[in-house]
Amino acid sequence: MNLVEELRSLDPSDPGRWPLPIRIGTVALWFAVLAIVLTYVFVWKSQRPELQRFQAEEQKLRGEFRDKHSKAVNLEVYKQQLADIERSFGALLRQLPGKTEVPNLLVDISQTGLASGLEEKLFQPQAEQKRDFYAELPIKIRLSGNYHEFGAFVSGIAALPRIVTLHDIEIKPDSKDAYDVLTLDLTAKTYRYLDEDEVAAAESQRREAEQGRRKKGSGA
């Protein structure tokens, strides 16, 4: 009797009459199944969240490694880009006048309007507005003329060696009877860089204001 026929002849309800090798094999198989089930329930299932956490951490570390490796490989490129930015910033900074140059710049703006054939009705510098490293100087301007003269004025402002921007532009007829004569109202803004003393003073004021806000908050 071969093995297949012998297995078919076994009585499932009376395993005690099975041949000894089959009984040993059956017990060993049940032990193996039980070991797998217990391993899944008490080891794999309980430690799976920790395994998933480690896998997620591994992916995060791999991502950080790739980022740092990319930065390390491109370090020279970044240094060159930084140098280019610093040169560009320096070129822009040189277009900002110092405190002593501002009066001449105001004269240049006024003269640009007159040279364009416009009649200057208002030229009123406003209070400076200090930023991080520069100050903004708004100027209220009212000019009278025609469209071509306005265009020449704008072109002349753009050609100035210093940065001047135009804002709040409004064009309207100079009077009800003079449609060919127009009035141009605008705010011209020029900028100057702050010297070291002004930057230090602004930083000191900022720190004092911050400390005042903290004291007020803690006192409340």
N, C-alpha and C. Protein backbone atom coordinates (compact mmCIF):
# COMPACT_ATOMS: atom_id res chain seq x y z
N MET A 1 0.86 -1.20 0.00
CA MET A 1 0.00 0.00 0.00
C MET A 1 0.89 1.24 0.00
N ASN A 2 0.62 2.07 -0.96
CA ASN A 2 1.44 3.28 -1.00
C ASN A 2 0.92 4.30 -0.01
N LEU A 3 1.64 5.44 0.06
CA LEU A 3 1.35 6.45 1.08
C LEU A 3 -0.02 7.08 0.87
N VAL A 4 -0.40 7.34 -0.39
CA VAL A 4 -1.69 7.98 -0.66
C VAL A 4 -2.83 7.08 -0.21
N GLU A 5 -2.75 5.81 -0.57
CA GLU A 5 -3.80 4.87 -0.17
C GLU A 5 -3.85 4.73 1.34
N GLU A 6 -2.67 4.76 1.97
CA GLU A 6 -2.63 4.63 3.43
C GLU A 6 -3.31 5.82 4.10
N LEU A 7 -3.08 7.06 3.57
CA LEU A 7 -3.71 8.24 4.13
C LEU A 7 -5.23 8.20 3.94
N ARG A 8 -5.68 7.70 2.78
CA ARG A 8 -7.11 7.61 2.53
C ARG A 8 -7.80 6.63 3.48
N SER A 9 -7.07 5.62 3.90
CA SER A 9 -7.66 4.57 4.76
C SER A 9 -7.71 4.97 6.22
N LEU A 10 -7.13 6.15 6.57
CA LEU A 10 -7.13 6.56 7.96
C LEU A 10 -8.52 6.98 8.40
N ASP A 11 -8.86 6.66 9.66
CA ASP A 11 -10.14 7.05 10.23
C ASP A 11 -9.93 8.33 11.03
N PRO A 12 -10.48 9.47 10.57
CA PRO A 12 -10.25 10.72 11.29
C PRO A 12 -10.79 10.70 12.71
N SER A 13 -11.81 9.86 12.98
CA SER A 13 -12.39 9.82 14.32
C SER A 13 -11.61 8.94 15.29
N ASP A 14 -10.60 8.22 14.77
CA ASP A 14 -9.83 7.34 15.64
C ASP A 14 -8.35 7.47 15.32
N PRO A 15 -7.75 8.67 15.66
CA PRO A 15 -6.35 8.88 15.33
C PRO A 15 -5.40 7.95 16.10
N GLY A 16 -5.92 7.32 17.19
CA GLY A 16 -5.04 6.43 17.95
C GLY A 16 -4.64 5.19 17.19
N ARG A 17 -5.39 4.85 16.15
CA ARG A 17 -5.09 3.66 15.36
C ARG A 17 -4.23 3.99 14.13
N TRP A 18 -3.87 5.33 13.99
CA TRP A 18 -3.03 5.70 12.85
C TRP A 18 -1.62 5.16 13.04
N PRO A 19 -0.91 4.92 11.97
CA PRO A 19 0.49 4.48 12.11
C PRO A 19 1.31 5.55 12.85
N LEU A 20 2.32 5.10 13.56
CA LEU A 20 3.12 6.01 14.39
C LEU A 20 3.75 7.14 13.58
N PRO A 21 4.35 6.90 12.45
CA PRO A 21 4.96 8.02 11.69
C PRO A 21 3.94 9.09 11.32
N ILE A 22 2.69 8.66 10.98
CA ILE A 22 1.68 9.64 10.59
C ILE A 22 1.23 10.45 11.80
N ARG A 23 1.09 9.76 12.95
CA ARG A 23 0.71 10.47 14.16
C ARG A 23 1.77 11.50 14.55
N ILE A 24 3.04 11.11 14.44
CA ILE A 24 4.13 12.06 14.76
C ILE A 24 4.10 13.24 13.79
N GLY A 25 3.90 12.94 12.51
CA GLY A 25 3.87 14.01 11.53
C GLY A 25 2.70 14.96 11.74
N THR A 26 1.54 14.37 12.11
CA THR A 26 0.36 15.20 12.35
C THR A 26 0.56 16.12 13.55
N VAL A 27 1.13 15.56 14.63
CA VAL A 27 1.39 16.37 15.82
C VAL A 27 2.39 17.48 15.49
N ALA A 28 3.43 17.13 14.73
CA ALA A 28 4.43 18.13 14.36
C ALA A 28 3.80 19.24 13.51
N LEU A 29 2.87 18.85 12.60
CA LEU A 29 2.20 19.84 11.76
C LEU A 29 1.34 20.77 12.60
N TRP A 30 0.59 20.22 13.57
CA TRP A 30 -0.23 21.06 14.44
C TRP A 30 0.62 22.01 15.27
N PHE A 31 1.77 21.49 15.75
CA PHE A 31 2.67 22.36 16.51
C PHE A 31 3.19 23.50 15.63
N ALA A 32 3.49 23.19 14.36
CA ALA A 32 4.00 24.23 13.45
C ALA A 32 2.93 25.28 13.19
N VAL A 33 1.65 24.82 12.95
CA VAL A 33 0.55 25.76 12.73
C VAL A 33 0.32 26.61 13.97
N LEU A 34 0.34 25.95 15.16
CA LEU A 34 0.13 26.68 16.40
C LEU A 34 1.24 27.71 16.63
N ALA A 35 2.48 27.31 16.31
CA ALA A 35 3.60 28.25 16.48
C ALA A 35 3.46 29.45 15.56
N ILE A 36 2.99 29.21 14.32
CA ILE A 36 2.79 30.32 13.38
C ILE A 36 1.70 31.26 13.87
N VAL A 37 0.58 30.68 14.36
CA VAL A 37 -0.53 31.50 14.85
C VAL A 37 -0.10 32.31 16.06
N LEU A 38 0.60 31.68 17.01
CA LEU A 38 1.05 32.38 18.22
C LEU A 38 2.06 33.47 17.87
N THR A 39 2.93 33.18 16.91
CA THR A 39 3.91 34.18 16.49
C THR A 39 3.22 35.39 15.88
N TYR A 40 2.19 35.14 15.07
CA TYR A 40 1.45 36.25 14.45
C TYR A 40 0.72 37.08 15.50
N VAL A 41 0.05 36.39 16.45
CA VAL A 41 -0.77 37.10 17.43
C VAL A 41 0.09 37.85 18.42
N PHE A 42 1.11 37.21 18.98
CA PHE A 42 1.84 37.80 20.10
C PHE A 42 3.13 38.53 19.68
N VAL A 43 3.64 38.26 18.50
CA VAL A 43 4.89 38.90 18.07
C VAL A 43 4.63 39.86 16.92
N TRP A 44 4.19 39.33 15.80
CA TRP A 44 4.04 40.16 14.61
C TRP A 44 2.98 41.24 14.79
N LYS A 45 1.78 40.85 15.28
CA LYS A 45 0.69 41.81 15.39
C LYS A 45 1.00 42.88 16.43
N SER A 46 1.65 42.51 17.54
CA SER A 46 1.94 43.49 18.59
C SER A 46 3.09 44.41 18.21
N GLN A 47 4.03 43.92 17.42
CA GLN A 47 5.21 44.71 17.07
C GLN A 47 5.10 45.37 15.70
N ARG A 48 4.01 45.12 14.99
CA ARG A 48 3.87 45.70 13.66
C ARG A 48 3.83 47.23 13.70
N PRO A 49 3.07 47.88 14.64
CA PRO A 49 3.10 49.35 14.69
C PRO A 49 4.50 49.91 14.87
N GLU A 50 5.30 49.24 15.71
CA GLU A 50 6.67 49.70 15.92
C GLU A 50 7.49 49.53 14.65
N LEU A 51 7.26 48.41 13.96
CA LEU A 51 7.95 48.19 12.69
C LEU A 51 7.57 49.26 11.68
N GLN A 52 6.28 49.59 11.61
CA GLN A 52 5.84 50.63 10.68
C GLN A 52 6.45 51.98 11.05
N ARG A 53 6.57 52.24 12.36
CA ARG A 53 7.18 53.50 12.79
C ARG A 53 8.65 53.55 12.36
N PHE A 54 9.34 52.44 12.52
CA PHE A 54 10.74 52.40 12.10
C PHE A 54 10.87 52.55 10.59
N GLN A 55 9.93 51.95 9.84
CA GLN A 55 9.97 52.08 8.38
C GLN A 55 9.73 53.52 7.96
N ALA A 56 8.77 54.19 8.63
CA ALA A 56 8.51 55.59 8.32
C ALA A 56 9.72 56.46 8.66
N GLU A 57 10.35 56.17 9.80
CA GLU A 57 11.54 56.91 10.19
C GLU A 57 12.68 56.68 9.21
N GLU A 58 12.77 55.44 8.71
CA GLU A 58 13.80 55.12 7.72
C GLU A 58 13.59 55.94 6.45
N GLN A 59 12.33 56.02 5.99
CA GLN A 59 12.04 56.80 4.79
C GLN A 59 12.36 58.27 5.00
N LYS A 60 12.06 58.78 6.22
CA LYS A 60 12.36 60.18 6.52
C LYS A 60 13.86 60.42 6.50
N LEU A 61 14.61 59.51 7.12
CA LEU A 61 16.08 59.66 7.14
C LEU A 61 16.65 59.54 5.73
N ARG A 62 16.08 58.65 4.93
CA ARG A 62 16.55 58.53 3.56
C ARG A 62 16.30 59.83 2.78
N GLY A 63 15.12 60.44 3.01
CA GLY A 63 14.82 61.71 2.36
C GLY A 63 15.78 62.81 2.80
N GLU A 64 16.07 62.87 4.11
CA GLU A 64 17.02 63.87 4.61
C GLU A 64 18.41 63.63 4.03
N PHE A 65 18.76 62.36 3.92
CA PHE A 65 20.08 62.04 3.35
C PHE A 65 20.16 62.50 1.90
N ARG A 66 19.08 62.23 1.13
CA ARG A 66 19.08 62.65 -0.28
C ARG A 66 19.18 64.16 -0.40
N ASP A 67 18.44 64.88 0.48
CA ASP A 67 18.49 66.35 0.43
C ASP A 67 19.88 66.86 0.75
N LYS A 68 20.46 66.34 1.82
CA LYS A 68 21.80 66.79 2.23
C LYS A 68 22.86 66.39 1.20
N HIS A 69 22.67 65.20 0.62
CA HIS A 69 23.62 64.77 -0.40
C HIS A 69 23.54 65.68 -1.62
N SER A 70 22.29 66.04 -1.99
CA SER A 70 22.10 66.94 -3.13
C SER A 70 22.75 68.30 -2.86
N LYS A 71 22.56 68.81 -1.63
CA LYS A 71 23.15 70.10 -1.29
C LYS A 71 24.67 70.01 -1.28
N ALA A 72 25.19 68.90 -0.77
CA ALA A 72 26.64 68.75 -0.73
C ALA A 72 27.23 68.68 -2.13
N VAL A 73 26.51 67.95 -3.02
CA VAL A 73 27.00 67.82 -4.40
C VAL A 73 26.96 69.17 -5.10
N ASN A 74 25.91 69.98 -4.81
CA ASN A 74 25.73 71.26 -5.50
C ASN A 74 26.25 72.44 -4.68
N LEU A 75 27.10 72.19 -3.70
CA LEU A 75 27.57 73.25 -2.82
C LEU A 75 28.27 74.36 -3.61
N GLU A 76 29.12 73.99 -4.54
CA GLU A 76 29.83 75.01 -5.31
C GLU A 76 28.87 75.84 -6.16
N VAL A 77 27.83 75.16 -6.68
CA VAL A 77 26.83 75.89 -7.47
C VAL A 77 26.11 76.90 -6.59
N TYR A 78 25.74 76.46 -5.35
CA TYR A 78 25.06 77.37 -4.44
C TYR A 78 25.96 78.55 -4.06
N LYS A 79 27.25 78.28 -3.86
CA LYS A 79 28.17 79.36 -3.54
C LYS A 79 28.25 80.37 -4.67
N GLN A 80 28.26 79.87 -5.90
CA GLN A 80 28.32 80.76 -7.06
C GLN A 80 27.04 81.58 -7.16
N GLN A 81 25.88 80.92 -6.91
CA GLN A 81 24.61 81.64 -6.94
C GLN A 81 24.57 82.72 -5.87
N LEU A 82 25.08 82.40 -4.68
CA LEU A 82 25.12 83.38 -3.60
C LEU A 82 25.99 84.57 -3.98
N ALA A 83 27.15 84.28 -4.60
CA ALA A 83 28.03 85.37 -5.03
C ALA A 83 27.34 86.24 -6.08
N ASP A 84 26.60 85.60 -7.00
CA ASP A 84 25.88 86.36 -8.03
C ASP A 84 24.81 87.24 -7.39
N ILE A 85 24.09 86.69 -6.39
CA ILE A 85 23.05 87.46 -5.71
C ILE A 85 23.67 88.65 -4.98
N GLU A 86 24.80 88.42 -4.33
CA GLU A 86 25.45 89.51 -3.61
C GLU A 86 25.90 90.61 -4.56
N ARG A 87 26.40 90.22 -5.73
CA ARG A 87 26.80 91.22 -6.73
C ARG A 87 25.59 92.01 -7.22
N SER A 88 24.49 91.29 -7.49
CA SER A 88 23.27 91.97 -7.95
C SER A 88 22.74 92.90 -6.87
N PHE A 89 22.76 92.43 -5.62
CA PHE A 89 22.29 93.27 -4.53
C PHE A 89 23.17 94.50 -4.39
N GLY A 90 24.48 94.30 -4.53
CA GLY A 90 25.39 95.44 -4.44
C GLY A 90 25.13 96.45 -5.55
N ALA A 91 24.82 95.94 -6.75
CA ALA A 91 24.53 96.85 -7.87
C ALA A 91 23.25 97.63 -7.61
N LEU A 92 22.24 96.97 -7.06
CA LEU A 92 20.99 97.68 -6.72
C LEU A 92 21.22 98.68 -5.60
N LEU A 93 22.03 98.27 -4.62
CA LEU A 93 22.28 99.15 -3.49
C LEU A 93 22.98 100.43 -3.94
N ARG A 94 23.85 100.30 -4.94
CA ARG A 94 24.55 101.48 -5.44
C ARG A 94 23.60 102.45 -6.15
N GLN A 95 22.42 101.95 -6.52
CA GLN A 95 21.43 102.83 -7.14
C GLN A 95 20.63 103.60 -6.10
N LEU A 96 20.82 103.28 -4.83
CA LEU A 96 20.14 104.03 -3.77
C LEU A 96 21.05 105.16 -3.32
N PRO A 97 20.56 106.38 -3.32
CA PRO A 97 21.41 107.50 -2.90
C PRO A 97 21.61 107.50 -1.39
N GLY A 98 22.69 108.13 -0.97
CA GLY A 98 22.89 108.36 0.45
C GLY A 98 22.12 109.59 0.89
N LYS A 99 22.16 109.86 2.19
CA LYS A 99 21.40 110.98 2.73
C LYS A 99 21.81 112.29 2.08
N THR A 100 23.10 112.47 1.81
CA THR A 100 23.59 113.74 1.25
C THR A 100 23.22 113.90 -0.23
N GLU A 101 22.87 112.77 -0.90
CA GLU A 101 22.55 112.83 -2.33
C GLU A 101 21.08 113.07 -2.59
N VAL A 102 20.26 112.93 -1.58
CA VAL A 102 18.81 113.03 -1.78
C VAL A 102 18.39 114.39 -2.33
N PRO A 103 18.87 115.51 -1.79
CA PRO A 103 18.44 116.81 -2.35
C PRO A 103 18.70 116.93 -3.85
N ASN A 104 19.85 116.46 -4.30
CA ASN A 104 20.15 116.53 -5.73
C ASN A 104 19.19 115.65 -6.53
N LEU A 105 18.82 114.49 -5.96
CA LEU A 105 17.89 113.60 -6.65
C LEU A 105 16.51 114.27 -6.77
N LEU A 106 16.09 114.96 -5.72
CA LEU A 106 14.81 115.66 -5.79
C LEU A 106 14.82 116.74 -6.87
N VAL A 107 15.94 117.41 -6.98
CA VAL A 107 16.08 118.42 -8.04
C VAL A 107 16.01 117.76 -9.41
N ASP A 108 16.65 116.60 -9.54
CA ASP A 108 16.64 115.89 -10.83
C ASP A 108 15.21 115.50 -11.22
N ILE A 109 14.42 115.03 -10.25
CA ILE A 109 13.03 114.65 -10.54
C ILE A 109 12.23 115.87 -10.99
N SER A 110 12.40 116.96 -10.28
CA SER A 110 11.68 118.19 -10.63
C SER A 110 12.10 118.69 -12.00
N GLN A 111 13.40 118.67 -12.27
CA GLN A 111 13.91 119.15 -13.55
C GLN A 111 13.45 118.26 -14.71
N THR A 112 13.25 116.96 -14.43
CA THR A 112 12.77 116.06 -15.48
C THR A 112 11.39 116.48 -15.95
N GLY A 113 10.53 116.87 -15.01
CA GLY A 113 9.20 117.34 -15.40
C GLY A 113 9.26 118.62 -16.20
N LEU A 114 10.09 119.56 -15.77
CA LEU A 114 10.20 120.83 -16.49
C LEU A 114 10.81 120.62 -17.87
N ALA A 115 11.80 119.72 -17.95
CA ALA A 115 12.45 119.46 -19.24
C ALA A 115 11.50 118.78 -20.23
N SER A 116 10.46 118.12 -19.71
CA SER A 116 9.49 117.46 -20.59
C SER A 116 8.42 118.43 -21.07
N GLY A 117 8.51 119.71 -20.64
CA GLY A 117 7.55 120.71 -21.07
C GLY A 117 6.33 120.80 -20.17
N LEU A 118 6.38 120.17 -19.01
CA LEU A 118 5.24 120.17 -18.10
C LEU A 118 5.30 121.35 -17.14
N GLU A 119 4.15 121.79 -16.72
CA GLU A 119 4.08 122.84 -15.70
C GLU A 119 3.94 122.16 -14.34
N GLU A 120 4.85 122.49 -13.45
CA GLU A 120 4.84 121.87 -12.13
C GLU A 120 3.94 122.68 -11.19
N LYS A 121 2.85 122.05 -10.75
CA LYS A 121 1.91 122.73 -9.85
C LYS A 121 2.11 122.32 -8.39
N LEU A 122 2.70 121.14 -8.18
CA LEU A 122 2.92 120.66 -6.81
C LEU A 122 4.13 119.74 -6.80
N PHE A 123 5.01 120.01 -5.87
CA PHE A 123 6.16 119.11 -5.65
C PHE A 123 6.39 119.11 -4.13
N GLN A 124 5.84 118.09 -3.46
CA GLN A 124 5.79 118.11 -2.01
C GLN A 124 6.36 116.80 -1.42
N PRO A 125 7.63 116.79 -1.02
CA PRO A 125 8.20 115.60 -0.35
C PRO A 125 7.46 115.31 0.95
N GLN A 126 7.21 114.02 1.19
CA GLN A 126 6.52 113.58 2.40
C GLN A 126 7.55 113.05 3.41
N ALA A 127 7.04 112.66 4.56
CA ALA A 127 7.92 112.13 5.61
C ALA A 127 8.54 110.80 5.17
N GLU A 128 9.80 110.59 5.54
CA GLU A 128 10.48 109.35 5.23
C GLU A 128 9.81 108.17 5.95
N GLN A 129 9.86 107.03 5.29
CA GLN A 129 9.37 105.78 5.90
C GLN A 129 10.53 104.80 5.92
N LYS A 130 11.06 104.52 7.10
CA LYS A 130 12.25 103.68 7.21
C LYS A 130 11.87 102.21 7.18
N ARG A 131 12.66 101.46 6.43
CA ARG A 131 12.49 100.01 6.33
C ARG A 131 13.70 99.35 7.00
N ASP A 132 14.02 98.12 6.57
CA ASP A 132 15.11 97.38 7.22
C ASP A 132 16.46 98.06 7.02
N PHE A 133 16.83 98.31 5.78
CA PHE A 133 18.14 98.87 5.49
C PHE A 133 18.06 100.10 4.58
N TYR A 134 16.83 100.54 4.31
CA TYR A 134 16.66 101.69 3.43
C TYR A 134 15.47 102.52 3.92
N ALA A 135 15.40 103.72 3.39
CA ALA A 135 14.28 104.62 3.71
C ALA A 135 13.55 104.94 2.41
N GLU A 136 12.24 105.01 2.51
CA GLU A 136 11.39 105.33 1.36
C GLU A 136 10.96 106.79 1.45
N LEU A 137 11.14 107.53 0.35
CA LEU A 137 10.82 108.96 0.34
C LEU A 137 9.71 109.23 -0.67
N PRO A 138 8.46 109.33 -0.24
CA PRO A 138 7.37 109.65 -1.16
C PRO A 138 7.31 111.15 -1.47
N ILE A 139 6.94 111.46 -2.70
CA ILE A 139 6.84 112.87 -3.13
C ILE A 139 5.52 113.03 -3.87
N LYS A 140 4.67 113.90 -3.37
CA LYS A 140 3.43 114.22 -4.07
C LYS A 140 3.75 115.20 -5.21
N ILE A 141 3.31 114.85 -6.42
CA ILE A 141 3.63 115.68 -7.59
C ILE A 141 2.35 115.92 -8.38
N ARG A 142 2.19 117.14 -8.84
CA ARG A 142 1.10 117.48 -9.75
C ARG A 142 1.69 118.26 -10.92
N LEU A 143 1.44 117.74 -12.13
CA LEU A 143 1.99 118.34 -13.34
C LEU A 143 0.86 118.62 -14.32
N SER A 144 1.07 119.60 -15.16
CA SER A 144 0.07 119.96 -16.16
C SER A 144 0.71 119.93 -17.54
N GLY A 145 0.02 119.30 -18.51
CA GLY A 145 0.57 119.20 -19.87
C GLY A 145 -0.28 118.26 -20.69
N ASN A 146 0.33 117.66 -21.73
CA ASN A 146 -0.42 116.73 -22.57
C ASN A 146 0.19 115.32 -22.46
N TYR A 147 -0.45 114.37 -23.16
CA TYR A 147 -0.02 112.97 -23.05
C TYR A 147 1.43 112.79 -23.49
N HIS A 148 1.83 113.42 -24.56
CA HIS A 148 3.20 113.26 -25.06
C HIS A 148 4.20 113.77 -24.03
N GLU A 149 3.89 114.87 -23.40
CA GLU A 149 4.79 115.41 -22.36
C GLU A 149 4.82 114.49 -21.14
N PHE A 150 3.66 113.89 -20.80
CA PHE A 150 3.64 112.93 -19.70
C PHE A 150 4.53 111.72 -20.02
N GLY A 151 4.44 111.26 -21.27
CA GLY A 151 5.27 110.13 -21.69
C GLY A 151 6.75 110.46 -21.60
N ALA A 152 7.10 111.68 -22.00
CA ALA A 152 8.51 112.10 -21.92
C ALA A 152 8.96 112.18 -20.47
N PHE A 153 8.07 112.61 -19.60
CA PHE A 153 8.40 112.69 -18.18
C PHE A 153 8.67 111.29 -17.61
N VAL A 154 7.79 110.35 -17.92
CA VAL A 154 7.96 108.98 -17.42
C VAL A 154 9.25 108.38 -17.95
N SER A 155 9.54 108.59 -19.23
CA SER A 155 10.79 108.08 -19.81
C SER A 155 12.00 108.72 -19.14
N GLY A 156 11.91 110.02 -18.86
CA GLY A 156 13.01 110.70 -18.19
C GLY A 156 13.23 110.18 -16.78
N ILE A 157 12.16 109.88 -16.06
CA ILE A 157 12.29 109.31 -14.71
C ILE A 157 12.97 107.93 -14.79
N ALA A 158 12.55 107.13 -15.78
CA ALA A 158 13.14 105.79 -15.93
C ALA A 158 14.62 105.86 -16.27
N ALA A 159 15.04 106.96 -16.91
CA ALA A 159 16.44 107.08 -17.32
C ALA A 159 17.34 107.62 -16.21
N LEU A 160 16.78 108.04 -15.10
CA LEU A 160 17.60 108.56 -14.01
C LEU A 160 18.50 107.45 -13.46
N PRO A 161 19.71 107.80 -13.01
CA PRO A 161 20.62 106.78 -12.50
C PRO A 161 20.19 106.20 -11.16
N ARG A 162 19.22 106.81 -10.50
CA ARG A 162 18.73 106.33 -9.21
C ARG A 162 17.34 105.72 -9.39
N ILE A 163 16.98 104.86 -8.44
CA ILE A 163 15.67 104.20 -8.49
C ILE A 163 14.58 105.16 -8.08
N VAL A 164 13.61 105.37 -8.98
CA VAL A 164 12.43 106.18 -8.70
C VAL A 164 11.23 105.42 -9.25
N THR A 165 10.22 105.20 -8.42
CA THR A 165 9.02 104.51 -8.86
C THR A 165 7.83 105.47 -8.77
N LEU A 166 6.85 105.26 -9.65
CA LEU A 166 5.68 106.12 -9.73
C LEU A 166 4.44 105.35 -9.27
N HIS A 167 3.63 105.98 -8.43
CA HIS A 167 2.46 105.32 -7.84
C HIS A 167 1.26 106.27 -7.87
N ASP A 168 0.08 105.67 -7.68
CA ASP A 168 -1.17 106.43 -7.53
C ASP A 168 -1.33 107.46 -8.66
N ILE A 169 -1.13 107.00 -9.87
CA ILE A 169 -1.19 107.91 -11.03
C ILE A 169 -2.65 108.20 -11.39
N GLU A 170 -2.94 109.46 -11.58
CA GLU A 170 -4.29 109.90 -11.97
C GLU A 170 -4.17 111.03 -12.98
N ILE A 171 -4.83 110.88 -14.12
CA ILE A 171 -4.82 111.90 -15.18
C ILE A 171 -6.25 112.39 -15.39
N LYS A 172 -6.41 113.67 -15.43
CA LYS A 172 -7.74 114.25 -15.64
C LYS A 172 -7.60 115.59 -16.38
N PRO A 173 -8.66 116.07 -16.98
CA PRO A 173 -8.58 117.37 -17.68
C PRO A 173 -8.24 118.48 -16.70
N ASP A 174 -7.43 119.42 -17.17
CA ASP A 174 -7.02 120.54 -16.32
C ASP A 174 -8.22 121.43 -15.98
N SER A 175 -9.12 121.54 -16.93
CA SER A 175 -10.36 122.31 -16.69
C SER A 175 -11.42 121.80 -17.65
N LYS A 176 -12.64 122.22 -17.46
CA LYS A 176 -13.74 121.77 -18.31
C LYS A 176 -13.59 122.27 -19.75
N ASP A 177 -12.95 123.42 -19.91
CA ASP A 177 -12.85 124.03 -21.24
C ASP A 177 -11.55 123.69 -21.96
N ALA A 178 -10.62 123.06 -21.26
CA ALA A 178 -9.30 122.78 -21.87
C ALA A 178 -9.07 121.28 -21.90
N TYR A 179 -9.63 120.60 -22.93
CA TYR A 179 -9.51 119.16 -23.02
C TYR A 179 -8.14 118.71 -23.48
N ASP A 180 -7.38 119.60 -24.12
CA ASP A 180 -6.05 119.23 -24.58
C ASP A 180 -5.00 119.46 -23.51
N VAL A 181 -5.35 120.06 -22.41
CA VAL A 181 -4.43 120.26 -21.29
C VAL A 181 -4.89 119.38 -20.14
N LEU A 182 -4.00 118.53 -19.66
CA LEU A 182 -4.34 117.55 -18.65
C LEU A 182 -3.53 117.78 -17.37
N THR A 183 -4.05 117.26 -16.28
CA THR A 183 -3.34 117.32 -15.00
C THR A 183 -2.96 115.91 -14.59
N LEU A 184 -1.72 115.75 -14.23
CA LEU A 184 -1.21 114.45 -13.79
C LEU A 184 -0.88 114.53 -12.30
N ASP A 185 -1.59 113.74 -11.51
CA ASP A 185 -1.30 113.61 -10.08
C ASP A 185 -0.66 112.25 -9.84
N LEU A 186 0.41 112.23 -9.09
CA LEU A 186 1.08 110.95 -8.79
C LEU A 186 1.92 111.09 -7.54
N THR A 187 2.35 109.95 -7.06
CA THR A 187 3.31 109.90 -5.95
C THR A 187 4.57 109.23 -6.47
N ALA A 188 5.65 109.97 -6.50
CA ALA A 188 6.94 109.40 -6.87
C ALA A 188 7.65 108.95 -5.59
N LYS A 189 8.22 107.77 -5.65
CA LYS A 189 8.93 107.26 -4.49
C LYS A 189 10.38 106.99 -4.88
N THR A 190 11.26 107.60 -4.13
CA THR A 190 12.67 107.28 -4.29
C THR A 190 13.16 106.70 -2.97
N TYR A 191 14.34 106.19 -2.98
CA TYR A 191 14.83 105.43 -1.84
C TYR A 191 16.28 105.80 -1.54
N ARG A 192 16.65 105.73 -0.29
CA ARG A 192 18.03 105.92 0.08
C ARG A 192 18.41 104.85 1.09
N TYR A 193 19.67 104.46 1.07
CA TYR A 193 20.09 103.46 2.05
C TYR A 193 20.40 104.14 3.38
N LEU A 194 20.15 103.43 4.45
CA LEU A 194 20.44 103.93 5.79
C LEU A 194 21.90 103.69 6.11
N ASP A 195 22.54 104.68 6.74
CA ASP A 195 23.92 104.46 7.15
C ASP A 195 23.95 103.56 8.39
N GLU A 196 25.15 103.17 8.82
CA GLU A 196 25.28 102.21 9.92
C GLU A 196 24.65 102.72 11.21
N ASP A 197 24.82 104.00 11.49
CA ASP A 197 24.24 104.56 12.73
C ASP A 197 22.72 104.50 12.69
N GLU A 198 22.13 104.78 11.53
CA GLU A 198 20.68 104.74 11.42
C GLU A 198 20.16 103.32 11.55
N VAL A 199 20.87 102.37 10.95
CA VAL A 199 20.46 100.96 11.06
C VAL A 199 20.54 100.51 12.51
N ALA A 200 21.63 100.88 13.21
CA ALA A 200 21.78 100.50 14.61
C ALA A 200 20.69 101.13 15.48
N ALA A 201 20.37 102.39 15.20
CA ALA A 201 19.33 103.06 15.97
C ALA A 201 17.96 102.42 15.72
N ALA A 202 17.69 102.07 14.47
CA ALA A 202 16.42 101.42 14.15
C ALA A 202 16.32 100.06 14.82
N GLU A 203 17.43 99.32 14.85
CA GLU A 203 17.44 98.01 15.50
C GLU A 203 17.24 98.15 17.00
N SER A 204 17.87 99.18 17.59
CA SER A 204 17.70 99.43 19.02
C SER A 204 16.23 99.76 19.35
N GLN A 205 15.62 100.60 18.53
CA GLN A 205 14.21 100.94 18.73
C GLN A 205 13.32 99.71 18.59
N ARG A 206 13.66 98.86 17.64
CA ARG A 206 12.86 97.65 17.45
C ARG A 206 12.95 96.74 18.67
N ARG A 207 14.19 96.58 19.21
CA ARG A 207 14.35 95.74 20.40
C ARG A 207 13.62 96.33 21.60
N GLU A 208 13.70 97.65 21.77
CA GLU A 208 13.01 98.28 22.89
C GLU A 208 11.50 98.11 22.78
N ALA A 209 10.99 98.24 21.56
CA ALA A 209 9.54 98.05 21.35
C ALA A 209 9.14 96.61 21.64
N GLU A 210 9.99 95.67 21.23
CA GLU A 210 9.70 94.26 21.48
C GLU A 210 9.72 93.96 22.97
N GLN A 211 10.69 94.50 23.69
CA GLN A 211 10.75 94.31 25.14
C GLN A 211 9.54 94.93 25.83
N GLY A 212 9.12 96.09 25.33
CA GLY A 212 7.93 96.74 25.91
C GLY A 212 6.69 95.89 25.72
N ARG A 213 6.54 95.28 24.54
CA ARG A 213 5.40 94.42 24.30
C ARG A 213 5.43 93.18 25.19
N ARG A 214 6.64 92.64 25.41
CA ARG A 214 6.75 91.46 26.28
C ARG A 214 6.41 91.79 27.72
N LYS A 215 6.91 92.94 28.21
CA LYS A 215 6.60 93.35 29.58
C LYS A 215 5.10 93.59 29.75
N LYS A 216 4.51 94.21 28.74
CA LYS A 216 3.08 94.47 28.80
C LYS A 216 2.29 93.18 28.80
N GLY A 217 2.77 92.21 28.01
CA GLY A 217 2.09 90.91 27.96
C GLY A 217 2.23 90.15 29.26
N SER A 218 3.43 90.17 29.87
CA SER A 218 3.64 89.46 31.12
C SER A 218 2.89 90.13 32.27
N GLY A 219 2.76 91.48 32.21
CA GLY A 219 2.04 92.19 33.25
C GLY A 219 0.56 91.93 33.20
N ALA A 220 0.05 91.64 31.99
CA ALA A 220 -1.37 91.34 31.86
C ALA A 220 -1.68 89.98 32.44
